[in-house]
Amino acid sequence: MIHEKKDAMFVLGRVLITSNARGTLDNQDLIATLGRHIAGNWGDCCPEDLEANQVALQEDDRLFSVYHDKNGVKFWVITEWDRSATTILLPEDY
């Protein structure tokens, strides 16, 4: 279970991970990444997604982050608009 950090900007809700991401990504990278995500560090998002996340924090919309694990594998973290769930997935899982 992931506990919310005191500097969290939002709640993660239920944390889900696709089977492809679970078999590919390192658990320690995932834990660190969730900490970055809830603190508003959106990773390697494009400028448009960075701006959309800032608006989403205020207007309760979906949050989207892009990260790379220690092996350079790109993955996404998406928190639903209602903060009920956060999903970790590889781009090809979308």
C-alpha atoms as a PDB file:
ATOM      1  CA  MET A   1       0.000   0.000   0.000  1.00  0.00           C
ATOM      2  CA  ILE A   2       1.223   3.484  -0.850  1.00  0.00           C
ATOM      3  CA  HIS A   3       0.712   6.054   1.884  1.00  0.00           C
ATOM      4  CA  GLU A   4       0.115   9.634   0.836  1.00  0.00           C
ATOM      5  CA  LYS A   5       3.011  11.974   1.508  1.00  0.00           C
ATOM      6  CA  LYS A   6       2.329  15.068   3.574  1.00  0.00           C
ATOM      7  CA  ASP A   7       3.426  17.267   0.641  1.00  0.00           C
ATOM      8  CA  ALA A   8       1.001  15.510  -1.708  1.00  0.00           C
ATOM      9  CA  MET A   9      -0.981  17.768  -4.015  1.00  0.00           C
ATOM     10  CA  PHE A  10      -3.761  15.187  -4.433  1.00  0.00           C
ATOM     11  CA  VAL A  11      -4.656  11.625  -3.475  1.00  0.00           C
ATOM     12  CA  LEU A  12      -3.740   8.669  -5.650  1.00  0.00           C
ATOM     13  CA  GLY A  13      -6.831   6.611  -4.960  1.00  0.00           C
ATOM     14  CA  ARG A  14      -6.439   2.926  -5.734  1.00  0.00           C
ATOM     15  CA  VAL A  15      -3.046   2.238  -7.339  1.00  0.00           C
ATOM     16  CA  LEU A  16      -3.190  -0.092 -10.342  1.00  0.00           C
ATOM     17  CA  ILE A  17      -0.472  -1.376 -12.662  1.00  0.00           C
ATOM     18  CA  THR A  18      -0.784  -3.210 -15.943  1.00  0.00           C
ATOM     19  CA  SER A  19       0.719  -6.687 -16.093  1.00  0.00           C
ATOM     20  CA  ASN A  20       3.120  -5.526 -18.805  1.00  0.00           C
ATOM     21  CA  ALA A  21       4.389  -2.655 -16.629  1.00  0.00           C
ATOM     22  CA  ARG A  22       4.643  -4.908 -13.551  1.00  0.00           C
ATOM     23  CA  GLY A  23       6.804  -7.373 -15.474  1.00  0.00           C
ATOM     24  CA  THR A  24       9.023  -4.656 -16.944  1.00  0.00           C
ATOM     25  CA  LEU A  25       9.554  -1.932 -14.340  1.00  0.00           C
ATOM     26  CA  ASP A  26      11.557  -1.995 -11.108  1.00  0.00           C
ATOM     27  CA  ASN A  27       9.464  -1.761  -7.902  1.00  0.00           C
ATOM     28  CA  GLN A  28      11.773   0.803  -6.310  1.00  0.00           C
ATOM     29  CA  ASP A  29      11.476   3.025  -9.385  1.00  0.00           C
ATOM     30  CA  LEU A  30       7.691   2.758  -9.142  1.00  0.00           C
ATOM     31  CA  ILE A  31       7.569   3.773  -5.486  1.00  0.00           C
ATOM     32  CA  ALA A  32       9.852   6.762  -6.095  1.00  0.00           C
ATOM     33  CA  THR A  33       7.837   7.767  -9.134  1.00  0.00           C
ATOM     34  CA  LEU A  34       4.530   7.756  -7.267  1.00  0.00           C
ATOM     35  CA  GLY A  35       6.118  10.107  -4.740  1.00  0.00           C
ATOM     36  CA  ARG A  36       7.137  12.444  -7.558  1.00  0.00           C
ATOM     37  CA  HIS A  37       3.704  12.222  -9.172  1.00  0.00           C
ATOM     38  CA  ILE A  38       1.730  13.198  -6.048  1.00  0.00           C
ATOM     39  CA  ALA A  39       4.166  16.046  -5.384  1.00  0.00           C
ATOM     40  CA  GLY A  40       3.415  17.550  -8.808  1.00  0.00           C
ATOM     41  CA  ASN A  41       6.642  16.512 -10.519  1.00  0.00           C
ATOM     42  CA  TRP A  42       5.229  15.378 -13.850  1.00  0.00           C
ATOM     43  CA  GLY A  43       8.480  13.946 -15.169  1.00  0.00           C
ATOM     44  CA  ASP A  44       9.110  14.219 -18.894  1.00  0.00           C
ATOM     45  CA  CYS A  45       5.726  15.548 -20.016  1.00  0.00           C
ATOM     46  CA  CYS A  46       5.549  17.869 -22.995  1.00  0.00           C
ATOM     47  CA  PRO A  47       4.768  21.535 -22.233  1.00  0.00           C
ATOM     48  CA  GLU A  48       1.106  21.081 -23.195  1.00  0.00           C
ATOM     49  CA  ASP A  49       0.663  18.202 -20.729  1.00  0.00           C
ATOM     50  CA  LEU A  50       2.475  20.141 -18.004  1.00  0.00           C
ATOM     51  CA  GLU A  51       0.041  23.009 -18.453  1.00  0.00           C
ATOM     52  CA  ALA A  52      -2.945  20.633 -18.603  1.00  0.00           C
ATOM     53  CA  ASN A  53      -1.856  19.082 -15.279  1.00  0.00           C
ATOM     54  CA  GLN A  54      -1.717  22.480 -13.595  1.00  0.00           C
ATOM     55  CA  VAL A  55      -5.263  23.195 -14.774  1.00  0.00           C
ATOM     56  CA  ALA A  56      -6.361  19.662 -13.805  1.00  0.00           C
ATOM     57  CA  LEU A  57      -5.252  20.223 -10.207  1.00  0.00           C
ATOM     58  CA  GLN A  58      -7.668  23.139  -9.948  1.00  0.00           C
ATOM     59  CA  GLU A  59     -10.515  21.749 -12.033  1.00  0.00           C
ATOM     60  CA  ASP A  60     -10.446  18.087 -10.961  1.00  0.00           C
ATOM     61  CA  ASP A  61      -9.367  16.632 -14.282  1.00  0.00           C
ATOM     62  CA  ARG A  62      -7.097  13.702 -15.179  1.00  0.00           C
ATOM     63  CA  LEU A  63      -3.400  13.969 -14.241  1.00  0.00           C
ATOM     64  CA  PHE A  64      -0.740  12.535 -16.538  1.00  0.00           C
ATOM     65  CA  SER A  65       2.987  11.999 -15.903  1.00  0.00           C
ATOM     66  CA  VAL A  66       5.756  10.531 -18.037  1.00  0.00           C
ATOM     67  CA  TYR A  67       8.802   8.874 -16.481  1.00  0.00           C
ATOM     68  CA  HIS A  68      11.691   6.583 -17.353  1.00  0.00           C
ATOM     69  CA  ASP A  69      12.924   3.782 -15.089  1.00  0.00           C
ATOM     70  CA  LYS A  70      16.588   3.096 -14.318  1.00  0.00           C
ATOM     71  CA  ASN A  71      16.861   1.098 -17.557  1.00  0.00           C
ATOM     72  CA  GLY A  72      15.431   3.924 -19.656  1.00  0.00           C
ATOM     73  CA  VAL A  73      12.005   2.311 -20.123  1.00  0.00           C
ATOM     74  CA  LYS A  74       9.332   4.963 -20.634  1.00  0.00           C
ATOM     75  CA  PHE A  75       6.137   4.629 -18.618  1.00  0.00           C
ATOM     76  CA  TRP A  76       3.107   6.674 -17.730  1.00  0.00           C
ATOM     77  CA  VAL A  77       1.248   7.401 -14.507  1.00  0.00           C
ATOM     78  CA  ILE A  78      -2.376   8.515 -14.877  1.00  0.00           C
ATOM     79  CA  THR A  79      -4.617   9.626 -12.022  1.00  0.00           C
ATOM     80  CA  GLU A  80      -8.318   9.706 -12.831  1.00  0.00           C
ATOM     81  CA  TRP A  81     -10.273  12.962 -12.698  1.00  0.00           C
ATOM     82  CA  ASP A  82     -12.089  11.937  -9.504  1.00  0.00           C
ATOM     83  CA  ARG A  83      -8.839  10.731  -7.856  1.00  0.00           C
ATOM     84  CA  SER A  84     -10.370   7.270  -7.428  1.00  0.00           C
ATOM     85  CA  ALA A  85      -7.468   5.471  -9.098  1.00  0.00           C
ATOM     86  CA  THR A  86      -3.942   5.915 -10.387  1.00  0.00           C
ATOM     87  CA  THR A  87      -2.663   3.584 -13.086  1.00  0.00           C
ATOM     88  CA  ILE A  88       0.948   2.823 -14.007  1.00  0.00           C
ATOM     89  CA  LEU A  89       1.342   1.605 -17.566  1.00  0.00           C
ATOM     90  CA  LEU A  90       3.670   1.410 -20.524  1.00  0.00           C
ATOM     91  CA  PRO A  91       2.667   3.524 -23.554  1.00  0.00           C
ATOM     92  CA  GLU A  92       1.845   0.379 -25.538  1.00  0.00           C
ATOM     93  CA  ASP A  93      -0.612  -0.657 -22.806  1.00  0.00           C
ATOM     94  CA  TYR A  94      -2.846   2.372 -23.448  1.00  0.00           C
END
